[in-house]
Amino acid sequence: MIMEKLSSVFSRPMLIYDDKCYACKKFASYASTLSRGWIRLAGHYYSQEAINAKKMIFPAYYDSTKMFWLINEKGAYGARSGLLPVAREIIKGIFKRRGLKDQVNLVMACDYDEKLSCASGMNTLKRIVNMMLNSSQLHFQN
C-alpha cells in the first residue's frame, strides 16, 4: 500500500542534490534543463519538498545527504546507481514535454549568501570520485 503511494507521488521524477555545492547545482540544472523540466529539482538542505520526500523514503537514522538521489516511480537511486536513471528520465522528458519549452521547473533558488563549496576544480574532482565510489538503491516495487 505504501509502495503504491510512493510510486504515484514520484510518477514525475525528483532529483535531490547538494544545494550547498556549485558543481552539484550545475549537474542538477543540466539534468532538469535537458529533460525540459520533466525532472523536478530539490536541494538537500534548503528545499522543504526534498526534506518531506526524504522523510517518506529513508529511515530516520539514515544520512541521505552523502549523495544525490533520483527518485522515480520505481525507487530511489543514489550516486553512481542514479546516473543511468537520470539519463533515462532525461530521454523521457524530451518526449513527454515536447512543445512545453516554457515550463522548465528549476527549484534552485536559495536564501543564503555563503560561498558554495566545490567551486574549485579539485573539489569538483573529489565530488565526482566520491559519487563513483558510492551507490545505493531503494526499490518501491518488487
N, C-alpha and C. Protein backbone atom coordinates (compact mmCIF):
# COMPACT_ATOMS: atom_id res chain seq x y z
N MET A 1 0.82 -1.19 0.00
CA MET A 1 0.00 0.00 0.00
C MET A 1 0.87 1.27 0.00
N ILE A 2 1.86 1.32 0.91
CA ILE A 2 2.74 2.47 0.98
C ILE A 2 3.57 2.58 -0.29
N MET A 3 4.01 1.44 -0.82
CA MET A 3 4.82 1.46 -2.04
C MET A 3 4.02 2.00 -3.21
N GLU A 4 2.73 1.69 -3.29
CA GLU A 4 1.89 2.23 -4.36
C GLU A 4 1.77 3.73 -4.23
N LYS A 5 1.66 4.23 -3.00
CA LYS A 5 1.56 5.67 -2.77
C LYS A 5 2.84 6.36 -3.21
N LEU A 6 3.99 5.81 -2.84
CA LEU A 6 5.27 6.39 -3.24
C LEU A 6 5.41 6.42 -4.75
N SER A 7 4.98 5.35 -5.41
CA SER A 7 5.05 5.30 -6.87
C SER A 7 4.25 6.42 -7.50
N SER A 8 3.08 6.72 -6.94
CA SER A 8 2.26 7.78 -7.52
C SER A 8 2.81 9.17 -7.20
N VAL A 9 3.38 9.36 -6.00
CA VAL A 9 3.96 10.65 -5.63
C VAL A 9 5.14 10.99 -6.54
N PHE A 10 5.90 9.96 -6.92
CA PHE A 10 7.09 10.18 -7.74
C PHE A 10 6.89 9.72 -9.18
N SER A 11 5.66 9.82 -9.69
CA SER A 11 5.42 9.47 -11.10
C SER A 11 6.20 10.43 -12.00
N ARG A 12 6.43 11.63 -11.52
CA ARG A 12 7.35 12.57 -12.18
C ARG A 12 8.60 12.61 -11.31
N PRO A 13 9.76 12.33 -11.87
CA PRO A 13 10.98 12.15 -11.06
C PRO A 13 11.44 13.41 -10.34
N MET A 14 12.12 13.18 -9.21
CA MET A 14 12.71 14.26 -8.44
C MET A 14 14.20 13.97 -8.26
N LEU A 15 15.02 14.96 -8.50
CA LEU A 15 16.46 14.85 -8.29
C LEU A 15 16.78 15.68 -7.06
N ILE A 16 17.24 15.00 -6.01
CA ILE A 16 17.63 15.68 -4.78
C ILE A 16 19.16 15.80 -4.80
N TYR A 17 19.65 17.02 -4.71
CA TYR A 17 21.08 17.29 -4.88
C TYR A 17 21.58 18.16 -3.73
N ASP A 18 22.90 18.28 -3.61
CA ASP A 18 23.52 19.10 -2.57
C ASP A 18 23.44 20.56 -3.02
N ASP A 19 22.53 21.30 -2.42
CA ASP A 19 22.34 22.69 -2.82
C ASP A 19 23.34 23.64 -2.17
N LYS A 20 24.34 23.10 -1.48
CA LYS A 20 25.44 23.90 -0.97
C LYS A 20 26.69 23.76 -1.85
N CYS A 21 26.57 23.01 -2.93
CA CYS A 21 27.71 22.69 -3.79
C CYS A 21 27.47 23.23 -5.20
N TYR A 22 28.43 24.02 -5.69
CA TYR A 22 28.32 24.62 -7.02
C TYR A 22 28.23 23.56 -8.11
N ALA A 23 29.13 22.57 -8.09
CA ALA A 23 29.14 21.53 -9.12
C ALA A 23 27.85 20.72 -9.09
N CYS A 24 27.34 20.45 -7.91
CA CYS A 24 26.10 19.68 -7.78
C CYS A 24 24.92 20.46 -8.34
N LYS A 25 24.90 21.76 -8.08
CA LYS A 25 23.82 22.60 -8.62
C LYS A 25 23.88 22.62 -10.15
N LYS A 26 25.08 22.69 -10.71
CA LYS A 26 25.21 22.69 -12.17
C LYS A 26 24.72 21.36 -12.75
N PHE A 27 25.11 20.25 -12.14
CA PHE A 27 24.67 18.93 -12.58
C PHE A 27 23.14 18.85 -12.56
N ALA A 28 22.53 19.28 -11.46
CA ALA A 28 21.07 19.24 -11.34
C ALA A 28 20.41 20.14 -12.37
N SER A 29 20.98 21.31 -12.57
CA SER A 29 20.43 22.25 -13.54
C SER A 29 20.46 21.67 -14.95
N TYR A 30 21.58 21.05 -15.32
CA TYR A 30 21.69 20.43 -16.64
C TYR A 30 20.66 19.29 -16.80
N ALA A 31 20.52 18.47 -15.77
CA ALA A 31 19.57 17.35 -15.84
C ALA A 31 18.15 17.86 -16.05
N SER A 32 17.75 18.89 -15.32
CA SER A 32 16.40 19.42 -15.46
C SER A 32 16.20 20.11 -16.80
N THR A 33 17.19 20.88 -17.21
CA THR A 33 17.08 21.59 -18.49
C THR A 33 17.02 20.62 -19.66
N LEU A 34 17.91 19.62 -19.66
CA LEU A 34 17.92 18.65 -20.76
C LEU A 34 16.63 17.84 -20.81
N SER A 35 15.99 17.62 -19.65
CA SER A 35 14.74 16.87 -19.63
C SER A 35 13.52 17.76 -19.87
N ARG A 36 13.79 19.02 -20.20
CA ARG A 36 12.72 20.01 -20.45
C ARG A 36 11.82 20.19 -19.23
N GLY A 37 12.41 20.10 -18.05
CA GLY A 37 11.65 20.30 -16.82
C GLY A 37 10.96 19.07 -16.29
N TRP A 38 11.10 17.95 -16.97
CA TRP A 38 10.47 16.70 -16.51
C TRP A 38 11.02 16.29 -15.14
N ILE A 39 12.33 16.44 -14.96
CA ILE A 39 12.96 16.11 -13.68
C ILE A 39 12.80 17.32 -12.75
N ARG A 40 12.10 17.10 -11.64
CA ARG A 40 11.95 18.15 -10.63
C ARG A 40 13.22 18.19 -9.78
N LEU A 41 13.60 19.39 -9.36
CA LEU A 41 14.81 19.54 -8.56
C LEU A 41 14.46 19.98 -7.15
N ALA A 42 15.22 19.46 -6.19
CA ALA A 42 15.05 19.85 -4.80
C ALA A 42 16.40 19.70 -4.10
N GLY A 43 16.79 20.71 -3.33
CA GLY A 43 18.06 20.67 -2.62
C GLY A 43 17.95 19.97 -1.29
N HIS A 44 18.99 19.24 -0.93
CA HIS A 44 19.03 18.51 0.34
C HIS A 44 18.72 19.40 1.53
N TYR A 45 19.26 20.62 1.54
CA TYR A 45 19.24 21.44 2.74
C TYR A 45 18.19 22.54 2.76
N TYR A 46 17.89 23.14 1.62
CA TYR A 46 17.04 24.33 1.61
C TYR A 46 15.68 24.11 0.96
N SER A 47 15.34 22.90 0.61
CA SER A 47 14.07 22.63 -0.05
C SER A 47 13.15 21.80 0.86
N GLN A 48 12.02 22.35 1.19
CA GLN A 48 11.06 21.62 2.03
C GLN A 48 10.54 20.39 1.30
N GLU A 49 10.43 20.48 -0.01
CA GLU A 49 9.98 19.34 -0.82
C GLU A 49 10.96 18.16 -0.67
N ALA A 50 12.26 18.45 -0.68
CA ALA A 50 13.27 17.39 -0.51
C ALA A 50 13.22 16.82 0.89
N ILE A 51 13.08 17.67 1.88
CA ILE A 51 13.01 17.22 3.27
C ILE A 51 11.82 16.29 3.47
N ASN A 52 10.67 16.66 2.91
CA ASN A 52 9.47 15.81 3.02
C ASN A 52 9.66 14.48 2.29
N ALA A 53 10.24 14.53 1.10
CA ALA A 53 10.46 13.30 0.32
C ALA A 53 11.39 12.36 1.06
N LYS A 54 12.46 12.91 1.64
CA LYS A 54 13.42 12.07 2.36
C LYS A 54 12.79 11.44 3.60
N LYS A 55 11.88 12.16 4.26
CA LYS A 55 11.18 11.59 5.43
C LYS A 55 10.30 10.41 5.02
N MET A 56 9.70 10.49 3.83
CA MET A 56 8.84 9.40 3.35
C MET A 56 9.64 8.16 2.97
N ILE A 57 10.85 8.34 2.47
CA ILE A 57 11.60 7.24 1.87
C ILE A 57 12.62 6.61 2.81
N PHE A 58 13.40 7.44 3.47
CA PHE A 58 14.55 6.93 4.23
C PHE A 58 14.22 6.76 5.72
N PRO A 59 14.85 5.77 6.37
CA PRO A 59 14.70 5.64 7.82
C PRO A 59 15.26 6.89 8.52
N ALA A 60 14.79 7.17 9.72
CA ALA A 60 15.18 8.39 10.45
C ALA A 60 16.69 8.47 10.67
N TYR A 61 17.36 7.36 10.87
CA TYR A 61 18.80 7.35 11.18
C TYR A 61 19.68 7.43 9.94
N TYR A 62 19.11 7.35 8.74
CA TYR A 62 19.90 7.29 7.50
C TYR A 62 20.31 8.69 7.06
N ASP A 63 21.59 8.86 6.73
CA ASP A 63 22.10 10.14 6.23
C ASP A 63 22.04 10.14 4.71
N SER A 64 20.98 10.70 4.18
CA SER A 64 20.78 10.70 2.72
C SER A 64 21.58 11.80 2.02
N THR A 65 22.23 12.67 2.78
CA THR A 65 22.96 13.78 2.18
C THR A 65 24.33 13.38 1.65
N LYS A 66 24.70 12.11 1.77
CA LYS A 66 26.00 11.65 1.29
C LYS A 66 26.09 11.65 -0.23
N MET A 67 24.94 11.68 -0.91
CA MET A 67 24.95 11.57 -2.37
C MET A 67 23.68 12.19 -2.95
N PHE A 68 23.68 12.41 -4.26
CA PHE A 68 22.45 12.87 -4.90
C PHE A 68 21.52 11.68 -5.05
N TRP A 69 20.23 11.95 -5.16
CA TRP A 69 19.24 10.89 -5.32
C TRP A 69 18.30 11.23 -6.45
N LEU A 70 18.05 10.27 -7.32
CA LEU A 70 16.98 10.39 -8.29
C LEU A 70 15.88 9.48 -7.78
N ILE A 71 14.71 10.05 -7.56
CA ILE A 71 13.57 9.28 -7.08
C ILE A 71 12.51 9.30 -8.17
N ASN A 72 12.12 8.11 -8.62
CA ASN A 72 11.06 8.00 -9.62
C ASN A 72 10.03 6.97 -9.14
N GLU A 73 9.13 6.56 -10.02
CA GLU A 73 8.05 5.65 -9.62
C GLU A 73 8.56 4.26 -9.23
N LYS A 74 9.78 3.93 -9.61
CA LYS A 74 10.32 2.60 -9.29
C LYS A 74 11.12 2.56 -8.00
N GLY A 75 11.70 3.69 -7.61
CA GLY A 75 12.50 3.71 -6.40
C GLY A 75 13.41 4.92 -6.32
N ALA A 76 14.37 4.84 -5.39
CA ALA A 76 15.34 5.90 -5.19
C ALA A 76 16.72 5.36 -5.54
N TYR A 77 17.46 6.13 -6.32
CA TYR A 77 18.77 5.71 -6.81
C TYR A 77 19.78 6.77 -6.44
N GLY A 78 20.81 6.38 -5.69
CA GLY A 78 21.79 7.33 -5.22
C GLY A 78 23.13 7.22 -5.91
N ALA A 79 23.72 8.35 -6.18
CA ALA A 79 25.08 8.50 -6.74
C ALA A 79 25.27 7.67 -8.01
N ARG A 80 26.25 6.76 -8.01
CA ARG A 80 26.59 6.01 -9.22
C ARG A 80 25.38 5.26 -9.79
N SER A 81 24.57 4.65 -8.93
CA SER A 81 23.41 3.91 -9.43
C SER A 81 22.31 4.84 -9.94
N GLY A 82 22.44 6.15 -9.70
CA GLY A 82 21.46 7.11 -10.17
C GLY A 82 21.78 7.69 -11.54
N LEU A 83 22.98 7.46 -12.04
CA LEU A 83 23.37 8.07 -13.32
C LEU A 83 22.54 7.55 -14.49
N LEU A 84 22.37 6.24 -14.59
CA LEU A 84 21.57 5.68 -15.68
C LEU A 84 20.09 6.08 -15.57
N PRO A 85 19.47 6.02 -14.37
CA PRO A 85 18.10 6.51 -14.26
C PRO A 85 17.95 8.00 -14.62
N VAL A 86 18.94 8.82 -14.29
CA VAL A 86 18.89 10.23 -14.68
C VAL A 86 18.88 10.33 -16.21
N ALA A 87 19.74 9.57 -16.87
CA ALA A 87 19.78 9.59 -18.34
C ALA A 87 18.45 9.14 -18.93
N ARG A 88 17.86 8.09 -18.36
CA ARG A 88 16.55 7.61 -18.84
C ARG A 88 15.48 8.67 -18.68
N GLU A 89 15.48 9.34 -17.53
CA GLU A 89 14.46 10.38 -17.27
C GLU A 89 14.66 11.59 -18.17
N ILE A 90 15.90 11.90 -18.53
CA ILE A 90 16.15 13.00 -19.47
C ILE A 90 15.53 12.65 -20.82
N ILE A 91 15.74 11.42 -21.27
CA ILE A 91 15.17 10.99 -22.56
C ILE A 91 13.64 11.00 -22.49
N LYS A 92 13.07 10.49 -21.39
CA LYS A 92 11.61 10.52 -21.23
C LYS A 92 11.10 11.95 -21.30
N GLY A 93 11.79 12.85 -20.61
CA GLY A 93 11.37 14.24 -20.57
C GLY A 93 11.39 14.90 -21.93
N ILE A 94 12.36 14.55 -22.75
CA ILE A 94 12.45 15.13 -24.08
C ILE A 94 11.19 14.81 -24.87
N PHE A 95 10.69 13.58 -24.73
CA PHE A 95 9.50 13.18 -25.49
C PHE A 95 8.20 13.58 -24.80
N LYS A 96 8.13 13.47 -23.49
CA LYS A 96 6.89 13.79 -22.77
C LYS A 96 6.62 15.28 -22.73
N ARG A 97 7.66 16.09 -22.71
CA ARG A 97 7.49 17.54 -22.56
C ARG A 97 7.64 18.27 -23.89
N ARG A 98 7.56 17.54 -24.99
CA ARG A 98 7.68 18.16 -26.31
C ARG A 98 6.64 19.27 -26.45
N GLY A 99 7.07 20.46 -26.85
CA GLY A 99 6.17 21.58 -27.04
C GLY A 99 5.92 22.39 -25.77
N LEU A 100 6.53 22.01 -24.65
CA LEU A 100 6.33 22.72 -23.39
C LEU A 100 7.62 23.41 -22.97
N LYS A 101 8.22 24.16 -23.88
CA LYS A 101 9.53 24.78 -23.65
C LYS A 101 9.56 25.72 -22.46
N ASP A 102 8.47 26.44 -22.22
CA ASP A 102 8.46 27.46 -21.18
C ASP A 102 8.18 26.90 -19.78
N GLN A 103 8.01 25.60 -19.64
CA GLN A 103 7.64 25.04 -18.35
C GLN A 103 8.79 24.31 -17.66
N VAL A 104 10.01 24.74 -17.88
CA VAL A 104 11.15 24.14 -17.20
C VAL A 104 11.05 24.49 -15.72
N ASN A 105 11.07 23.47 -14.87
CA ASN A 105 10.87 23.64 -13.43
C ASN A 105 12.19 23.57 -12.70
N LEU A 106 12.82 24.70 -12.48
CA LEU A 106 14.08 24.72 -11.75
C LEU A 106 13.83 25.25 -10.34
N VAL A 107 13.85 24.37 -9.37
CA VAL A 107 13.64 24.76 -7.98
C VAL A 107 15.02 24.91 -7.35
N MET A 108 15.73 25.95 -7.76
CA MET A 108 17.12 26.08 -7.34
C MET A 108 17.40 27.36 -6.58
N ALA A 109 16.37 28.13 -6.29
CA ALA A 109 16.60 29.36 -5.56
C ALA A 109 17.00 29.03 -4.13
N CYS A 110 17.97 29.73 -3.62
CA CYS A 110 18.36 29.52 -2.23
C CYS A 110 18.48 30.86 -1.53
N ASP A 111 18.24 30.86 -0.24
CA ASP A 111 18.19 32.09 0.53
C ASP A 111 19.46 32.33 1.35
N TYR A 112 20.58 31.85 0.89
CA TYR A 112 21.81 32.04 1.64
C TYR A 112 22.86 32.70 0.75
N ASP A 113 23.76 33.42 1.38
CA ASP A 113 24.77 34.17 0.64
C ASP A 113 26.16 33.58 0.76
N GLU A 114 26.30 32.50 1.53
CA GLU A 114 27.63 31.92 1.71
C GLU A 114 28.15 31.38 0.38
N LYS A 115 29.46 31.37 0.23
CA LYS A 115 30.07 30.86 -0.99
C LYS A 115 29.84 29.35 -1.07
N LEU A 116 29.42 28.89 -2.23
CA LEU A 116 29.17 27.47 -2.41
C LEU A 116 30.49 26.70 -2.41
N SER A 117 30.47 25.52 -1.78
CA SER A 117 31.65 24.66 -1.80
C SER A 117 31.75 24.04 -3.20
N CYS A 118 32.81 23.39 -3.47
CA CYS A 118 33.04 22.70 -4.75
C CYS A 118 33.26 23.65 -5.90
N ALA A 119 33.53 24.91 -5.66
CA ALA A 119 33.70 25.85 -6.75
C ALA A 119 35.04 25.65 -7.46
N SER A 120 35.99 25.00 -6.80
CA SER A 120 37.29 24.79 -7.44
C SER A 120 37.30 23.48 -8.21
N GLY A 121 38.23 23.36 -9.12
CA GLY A 121 38.35 22.15 -9.92
C GLY A 121 38.67 20.93 -9.08
N MET A 122 39.52 21.09 -8.07
CA MET A 122 39.91 19.97 -7.22
C MET A 122 38.71 19.47 -6.40
N ASN A 123 37.92 20.38 -5.88
CA ASN A 123 36.73 19.97 -5.12
C ASN A 123 35.71 19.28 -6.02
N THR A 124 35.58 19.75 -7.24
CA THR A 124 34.67 19.10 -8.20
C THR A 124 35.15 17.69 -8.50
N LEU A 125 36.44 17.52 -8.70
CA LEU A 125 37.00 16.20 -8.95
C LEU A 125 36.76 15.27 -7.76
N LYS A 126 36.92 15.77 -6.54
CA LYS A 126 36.66 14.97 -5.34
C LYS A 126 35.20 14.53 -5.29
N ARG A 127 34.29 15.42 -5.66
CA ARG A 127 32.86 15.07 -5.67
C ARG A 127 32.58 13.97 -6.69
N ILE A 128 33.18 14.07 -7.86
CA ILE A 128 32.96 13.06 -8.91
C ILE A 128 33.50 11.71 -8.46
N VAL A 129 34.69 11.69 -7.88
CA VAL A 129 35.27 10.43 -7.38
C VAL A 129 34.38 9.85 -6.28
N ASN A 130 33.93 10.69 -5.36
CA ASN A 130 33.05 10.24 -4.29
C ASN A 130 31.76 9.65 -4.85
N MET A 131 31.21 10.29 -5.88
CA MET A 131 29.98 9.80 -6.49
C MET A 131 30.21 8.42 -7.12
N MET A 132 31.34 8.25 -7.78
CA MET A 132 31.61 6.97 -8.43
C MET A 132 31.88 5.85 -7.42
N LEU A 133 32.34 6.20 -6.22
CA LEU A 133 32.61 5.19 -5.20
C LEU A 133 31.36 4.82 -4.40
N ASN A 134 30.37 5.71 -4.34
CA ASN A 134 29.16 5.47 -3.57
C ASN A 134 28.00 5.11 -4.47
N SER A 135 27.14 4.27 -3.95
CA SER A 135 25.96 3.86 -4.70
C SER A 135 24.95 3.26 -3.72
N SER A 136 23.69 3.50 -3.98
CA SER A 136 22.65 2.92 -3.15
C SER A 136 21.33 2.93 -3.92
N GLN A 137 20.48 1.94 -3.64
CA GLN A 137 19.18 1.85 -4.29
C GLN A 137 18.12 1.43 -3.28
N LEU A 138 16.94 1.99 -3.41
CA LEU A 138 15.77 1.58 -2.65
C LEU A 138 14.64 1.40 -3.65
N HIS A 139 14.12 0.19 -3.79
CA HIS A 139 13.07 -0.07 -4.76
C HIS A 139 11.70 0.00 -4.12
N PHE A 140 10.73 0.61 -4.82
CA PHE A 140 9.37 0.72 -4.33
C PHE A 140 8.56 -0.53 -4.65
N GLN A 141 8.90 -1.23 -5.73
CA GLN A 141 8.14 -2.41 -6.16
C GLN A 141 9.08 -3.57 -6.36
N ASN A 142 8.56 -4.79 -6.24
CA ASN A 142 9.40 -5.98 -6.46
C ASN A 142 9.67 -6.18 -7.93
